[in-house]
Amino acid sequence: MPSAGPTAPDALSARVKTHNYLNLIAANLEIKARDPEAWAVLLDARGNLAEGLGSNIFLVQQGTLYTPREQFVLAGISRDTVIALARESGLSVVEKDLDLFDAYSADEMFLTSTSLCVCPVRSINEAVVGDGRVPGPVTRQVTEAYCRLVDFDFVAQYLKRLG
């Protein structure tokens, strides 16, 4: 769920890992006060999707992956891995400015991070993404490729802990 924006690149490049997560922490506190199960997603200074708490954002529309340009985000290793895996499997990946309408009209949405690897998103601002079933087919394809690459089924590990 969107909240406060990250530090604008004209103040300090978002591409520099400074360990300054104050904007993300403040956004997460705000969103958790409304919904303890929700995760904050930040917008950049122009209202475009930027990043989540230590995570990068991907949307899927008609089989193509879209992710915010690096200008306002710290491009994570997991993000780069997903981009490479998607392209290796023949999927198109486009880096561009994405706004909330793009998220609301996406077929699928997922986050990437070191701890999450690939995490499907069911809704944003209470609007269901696609048909609401997670993971969607493209997210599942990317997740399976990621599991093969790291030779570990992180999905099964997460599901085991939930059960």
C-alpha atoms as a PDB file:
ATOM      1  CA  MET A   1       0.000   0.000   0.000  1.00  0.00           C
ATOM      2  CA  PRO A   2       1.562   3.328  -1.020  1.00  0.00           C
ATOM      3  CA  SER A   3       2.582   5.914   1.512  1.00  0.00           C
ATOM      4  CA  ALA A   4       5.435   8.412   1.858  1.00  0.00           C
ATOM      5  CA  GLY A   5       8.029   8.586  -0.892  1.00  0.00           C
ATOM      6  CA  PRO A   6      11.681   7.614  -0.822  1.00  0.00           C
ATOM      7  CA  THR A   7      14.444  10.184  -0.854  1.00  0.00           C
ATOM      8  CA  ALA A   8      14.363  11.916  -4.241  1.00  0.00           C
ATOM      9  CA  PRO A   9      17.470  11.379  -6.412  1.00  0.00           C
ATOM     10  CA  ASP A  10      18.091  15.133  -6.601  1.00  0.00           C
ATOM     11  CA  ALA A  11      18.646  15.030  -2.819  1.00  0.00           C
ATOM     12  CA  LEU A  12      20.471  11.687  -2.610  1.00  0.00           C
ATOM     13  CA  SER A  13      20.606   8.923  -5.180  1.00  0.00           C
ATOM     14  CA  ALA A  14      18.236   6.077  -4.380  1.00  0.00           C
ATOM     15  CA  ARG A  15      20.811   3.828  -6.034  1.00  0.00           C
ATOM     16  CA  VAL A  16      23.241   4.267  -3.125  1.00  0.00           C
ATOM     17  CA  LYS A  17      22.766   1.741  -0.342  1.00  0.00           C
ATOM     18  CA  THR A  18      23.030   3.963   2.733  1.00  0.00           C
ATOM     19  CA  HIS A  19      21.025   1.800   5.159  1.00  0.00           C
ATOM     20  CA  ASN A  20      18.739   4.812   5.724  1.00  0.00           C
ATOM     21  CA  TYR A  21      15.333   3.165   5.905  1.00  0.00           C
ATOM     22  CA  LEU A  22      13.550   5.930   7.831  1.00  0.00           C
ATOM     23  CA  ASN A  23      11.069   6.689   5.014  1.00  0.00           C
ATOM     24  CA  LEU A  24      10.325   2.990   4.627  1.00  0.00           C
ATOM     25  CA  ILE A  25       9.961   2.464   8.376  1.00  0.00           C
ATOM     26  CA  ALA A  26       7.648   5.478   8.731  1.00  0.00           C
ATOM     27  CA  ALA A  27       5.517   4.255   5.802  1.00  0.00           C
ATOM     28  CA  ASN A  28       5.376   0.753   7.241  1.00  0.00           C
ATOM     29  CA  LEU A  29       4.283   2.063  10.667  1.00  0.00           C
ATOM     30  CA  GLU A  30       1.564   4.135   8.989  1.00  0.00           C
ATOM     31  CA  ILE A  31       0.244   1.230   6.961  1.00  0.00           C
ATOM     32  CA  LYS A  32       0.431  -1.303   9.817  1.00  0.00           C
ATOM     33  CA  ALA A  33      -1.722   1.028  11.942  1.00  0.00           C
ATOM     34  CA  ARG A  34      -4.460   0.631   9.296  1.00  0.00           C
ATOM     35  CA  ASP A  35      -3.890  -3.033   8.446  1.00  0.00           C
ATOM     36  CA  PRO A  36      -1.435  -5.212  10.396  1.00  0.00           C
ATOM     37  CA  GLU A  37      -1.168  -7.621   7.427  1.00  0.00           C
ATOM     38  CA  ALA A  38      -0.312  -4.931   4.836  1.00  0.00           C
ATOM     39  CA  TRP A  39       3.144  -3.930   3.597  1.00  0.00           C
ATOM     40  CA  ALA A  40       4.025  -0.407   2.560  1.00  0.00           C
ATOM     41  CA  VAL A  41       4.900   0.381  -1.043  1.00  0.00           C
ATOM     42  CA  LEU A  42       6.479   3.759  -1.623  1.00  0.00           C
ATOM     43  CA  LEU A  43       5.851   6.241  -4.389  1.00  0.00           C
ATOM     44  CA  ASP A  44       8.537   8.479  -5.867  1.00  0.00           C
ATOM     45  CA  ALA A  45       8.355  12.291  -5.861  1.00  0.00           C
ATOM     46  CA  ARG A  46       6.172  12.189  -9.008  1.00  0.00           C
ATOM     47  CA  GLY A  47       3.689   9.624  -7.683  1.00  0.00           C
ATOM     48  CA  ASN A  48       5.133   6.588  -9.459  1.00  0.00           C
ATOM     49  CA  LEU A  49       5.698   3.236  -7.784  1.00  0.00           C
ATOM     50  CA  ALA A  50       9.175   3.067  -6.276  1.00  0.00           C
ATOM     51  CA  GLU A  51       9.880   0.221  -3.838  1.00  0.00           C
ATOM     52  CA  GLY A  52       8.738  -1.605  -0.727  1.00  0.00           C
ATOM     53  CA  LEU A  53      10.452  -2.201   2.579  1.00  0.00           C
ATOM     54  CA  GLY A  54      13.716  -3.638   1.271  1.00  0.00           C
ATOM     55  CA  SER A  55      11.966  -4.913  -1.845  1.00  0.00           C
ATOM     56  CA  ASN A  56      11.547  -4.142  -5.529  1.00  0.00           C
ATOM     57  CA  ILE A  57       8.236  -4.121  -7.402  1.00  0.00           C
ATOM     58  CA  PHE A  58       7.206  -5.986 -10.546  1.00  0.00           C
ATOM     59  CA  LEU A  59       3.919  -5.816 -12.433  1.00  0.00           C
ATOM     60  CA  VAL A  60       2.812  -8.261 -15.105  1.00  0.00           C
ATOM     61  CA  GLN A  61       0.604  -7.092 -17.963  1.00  0.00           C
ATOM     62  CA  GLN A  62      -0.177  -9.410 -20.874  1.00  0.00           C
ATOM     63  CA  GLY A  63       2.845 -11.597 -20.112  1.00  0.00           C
ATOM     64  CA  THR A  64       5.357  -8.729 -19.935  1.00  0.00           C
ATOM     65  CA  LEU A  65       7.147  -7.821 -16.700  1.00  0.00           C
ATOM     66  CA  TYR A  66       7.350  -4.151 -15.759  1.00  0.00           C
ATOM     67  CA  THR A  67       9.480  -2.719 -12.969  1.00  0.00           C
ATOM     68  CA  PRO A  68      10.260   0.870 -11.945  1.00  0.00           C
ATOM     69  CA  ARG A  69      13.319   2.517 -13.485  1.00  0.00           C
ATOM     70  CA  GLU A  70      16.412   2.532 -11.298  1.00  0.00           C
ATOM     71  CA  GLN A  71      16.350   6.320 -10.872  1.00  0.00           C
ATOM     72  CA  PHE A  72      14.200   6.193  -7.731  1.00  0.00           C
ATOM     73  CA  VAL A  73      14.998   2.712  -6.421  1.00  0.00           C
ATOM     74  CA  LEU A  74      17.908   0.727  -5.112  1.00  0.00           C
ATOM     75  CA  ALA A  75      18.128  -1.981  -7.761  1.00  0.00           C
ATOM     76  CA  GLY A  76      18.478  -5.108  -5.691  1.00  0.00           C
ATOM     77  CA  ILE A  77      20.342  -8.286  -6.516  1.00  0.00           C
ATOM     78  CA  SER A  78      17.084 -10.248  -6.425  1.00  0.00           C
ATOM     79  CA  ARG A  79      15.548  -7.728  -8.851  1.00  0.00           C
ATOM     80  CA  ASP A  80      18.478  -8.158 -11.228  1.00  0.00           C
ATOM     81  CA  THR A  81      18.252 -11.955 -10.868  1.00  0.00           C
ATOM     82  CA  VAL A  82      14.542 -11.962 -11.725  1.00  0.00           C
ATOM     83  CA  ILE A  83      15.139  -9.714 -14.741  1.00  0.00           C
ATOM     84  CA  ALA A  84      17.856 -12.071 -16.019  1.00  0.00           C
ATOM     85  CA  LEU A  85      15.801 -15.218 -15.371  1.00  0.00           C
ATOM     86  CA  ALA A  86      12.729 -13.735 -17.047  1.00  0.00           C
ATOM     87  CA  ARG A  87      14.680 -12.729 -20.127  1.00  0.00           C
ATOM     88  CA  GLU A  88      16.395 -16.153 -20.284  1.00  0.00           C
ATOM     89  CA  SER A  89      12.966 -17.786 -20.328  1.00  0.00           C
ATOM     90  CA  GLY A  90      11.763 -15.536 -23.159  1.00  0.00           C
ATOM     91  CA  LEU A  91       9.741 -13.045 -21.135  1.00  0.00           C
ATOM     92  CA  SER A  92       9.967  -9.352 -21.960  1.00  0.00           C
ATOM     93  CA  VAL A  93      11.052  -7.044 -19.138  1.00  0.00           C
ATOM     94  CA  VAL A  94      10.485  -3.290 -19.318  1.00  0.00           C
ATOM     95  CA  GLU A  95      11.912  -0.755 -16.868  1.00  0.00           C
ATOM     96  CA  LYS A  96       9.716   2.351 -16.831  1.00  0.00           C
ATOM     97  CA  ASP A  97       7.751   4.722 -14.642  1.00  0.00           C
ATOM     98  CA  LEU A  98       4.713   2.926 -13.234  1.00  0.00           C
ATOM     99  CA  ASP A  99       1.858   4.606 -11.412  1.00  0.00           C
ATOM    100  CA  LEU A 100      -0.951   3.282  -9.256  1.00  0.00           C
ATOM    101  CA  PHE A 101      -3.217   2.845 -12.278  1.00  0.00           C
ATOM    102  CA  ASP A 102      -0.628   0.441 -13.707  1.00  0.00           C
ATOM    103  CA  ALA A 103      -0.758  -1.559 -10.467  1.00  0.00           C
ATOM    104  CA  TYR A 104      -4.567  -1.507 -10.357  1.00  0.00           C
ATOM    105  CA  SER A 105      -4.802  -2.736 -13.954  1.00  0.00           C
ATOM    106  CA  ALA A 106      -1.978  -5.309 -13.733  1.00  0.00           C
ATOM    107  CA  ASP A 107      -2.650  -8.992 -14.303  1.00  0.00           C
ATOM    108  CA  GLU A 108      -0.129  -9.886 -11.579  1.00  0.00           C
ATOM    109  CA  MET A 109       2.182  -8.164  -9.123  1.00  0.00           C
ATOM    110  CA  PHE A 110       5.096  -9.410  -7.062  1.00  0.00           C
ATOM    111  CA  LEU A 111       7.942  -8.139  -4.891  1.00  0.00           C
ATOM    112  CA  THR A 112      11.547  -9.301  -4.867  1.00  0.00           C
ATOM    113  CA  SER A 113      14.117  -9.119  -2.094  1.00  0.00           C
ATOM    114  CA  THR A 114      16.870 -11.189  -0.552  1.00  0.00           C
ATOM    115  CA  SER A 115      14.593 -12.451   2.211  1.00  0.00           C
ATOM    116  CA  LEU A 116      11.408 -12.842   0.142  1.00  0.00           C
ATOM    117  CA  CYS A 117      13.062 -13.995  -3.085  1.00  0.00           C
ATOM    118  CA  VAL A 118       9.809 -13.654  -5.075  1.00  0.00           C
ATOM    119  CA  CYS A 119       6.585 -12.797  -3.226  1.00  0.00           C
ATOM    120  CA  PRO A 120       3.233 -12.527  -5.042  1.00  0.00           C
ATOM    121  CA  VAL A 121       0.944  -9.590  -4.204  1.00  0.00           C
ATOM    122  CA  ARG A 122      -2.817 -10.151  -3.982  1.00  0.00           C
ATOM    123  CA  SER A 123      -3.964  -6.528  -3.614  1.00  0.00           C
ATOM    124  CA  ILE A 124      -2.804  -2.932  -3.498  1.00  0.00           C
ATOM    125  CA  ASN A 125      -4.791  -0.283  -1.616  1.00  0.00           C
ATOM    126  CA  GLU A 126      -7.484  -2.941  -1.154  1.00  0.00           C
ATOM    127  CA  ALA A 127      -7.857  -3.299  -4.957  1.00  0.00           C
ATOM    128  CA  VAL A 128      -7.425  -6.918  -6.028  1.00  0.00           C
ATOM    129  CA  VAL A 129      -4.631  -7.426  -8.549  1.00  0.00           C
ATOM    130  CA  GLY A 130      -5.797  -9.399 -11.593  1.00  0.00           C
ATOM    131  CA  ASP A 131      -8.116 -12.217 -10.595  1.00  0.00           C
ATOM    132  CA  GLY A 132      -6.729 -12.270  -7.033  1.00  0.00           C
ATOM    133  CA  ARG A 133      -5.215 -15.740  -7.313  1.00  0.00           C
ATOM    134  CA  VAL A 134      -1.577 -15.865  -6.275  1.00  0.00           C
ATOM    135  CA  PRO A 135       0.783 -16.678  -7.643  1.00  0.00           C
ATOM    136  CA  GLY A 136      -0.289 -15.896 -11.187  1.00  0.00           C
ATOM    137  CA  PRO A 137       1.193 -17.919 -14.050  1.00  0.00           C
ATOM    138  CA  VAL A 138       4.066 -15.528 -14.839  1.00  0.00           C
ATOM    139  CA  THR A 139       4.911 -15.066 -11.149  1.00  0.00           C
ATOM    140  CA  ARG A 140       4.894 -18.864 -10.771  1.00  0.00           C
ATOM    141  CA  GLN A 141       7.211 -19.224 -13.803  1.00  0.00           C
ATOM    142  CA  VAL A 142       9.660 -16.674 -12.385  1.00  0.00           C
ATOM    143  CA  THR A 143       9.479 -18.245  -8.914  1.00  0.00           C
ATOM    144  CA  GLU A 144      10.183 -21.729 -10.247  1.00  0.00           C
ATOM    145  CA  ALA A 145      13.167 -20.431 -12.239  1.00  0.00           C
ATOM    146  CA  TYR A 146      14.471 -18.674  -9.109  1.00  0.00           C
ATOM    147  CA  CYS A 147      14.089 -21.881  -7.047  1.00  0.00           C
ATOM    148  CA  ARG A 148      16.012 -23.843  -9.697  1.00  0.00           C
ATOM    149  CA  LEU A 149      18.779 -21.220  -9.761  1.00  0.00           C
ATOM    150  CA  VAL A 150      19.319 -21.242  -5.985  1.00  0.00           C
ATOM    151  CA  ASP A 151      18.583 -24.977  -5.765  1.00  0.00           C
ATOM    152  CA  PHE A 152      16.143 -24.410  -2.911  1.00  0.00           C
ATOM    153  CA  ASP A 153      12.346 -24.386  -2.717  1.00  0.00           C
ATOM    154  CA  PHE A 154      11.787 -21.256  -0.622  1.00  0.00           C
ATOM    155  CA  VAL A 155       8.036 -21.407  -1.301  1.00  0.00           C
ATOM    156  CA  ALA A 156       7.769 -24.811   0.388  1.00  0.00           C
ATOM    157  CA  GLN A 157       9.818 -23.479   3.299  1.00  0.00           C
ATOM    158  CA  TYR A 158       7.462 -20.506   3.759  1.00  0.00           C
ATOM    159  CA  LEU A 159       4.354 -22.669   3.437  1.00  0.00           C
ATOM    160  CA  LYS A 160       5.740 -25.149   5.998  1.00  0.00           C
ATOM    161  CA  ARG A 161       6.164 -22.313   8.511  1.00  0.00           C
ATOM    162  CA  LEU A 162       2.612 -21.086   7.863  1.00  0.00           C
ATOM    163  CA  GLY A 163       1.088 -24.534   8.321  1.00  0.00           C
END
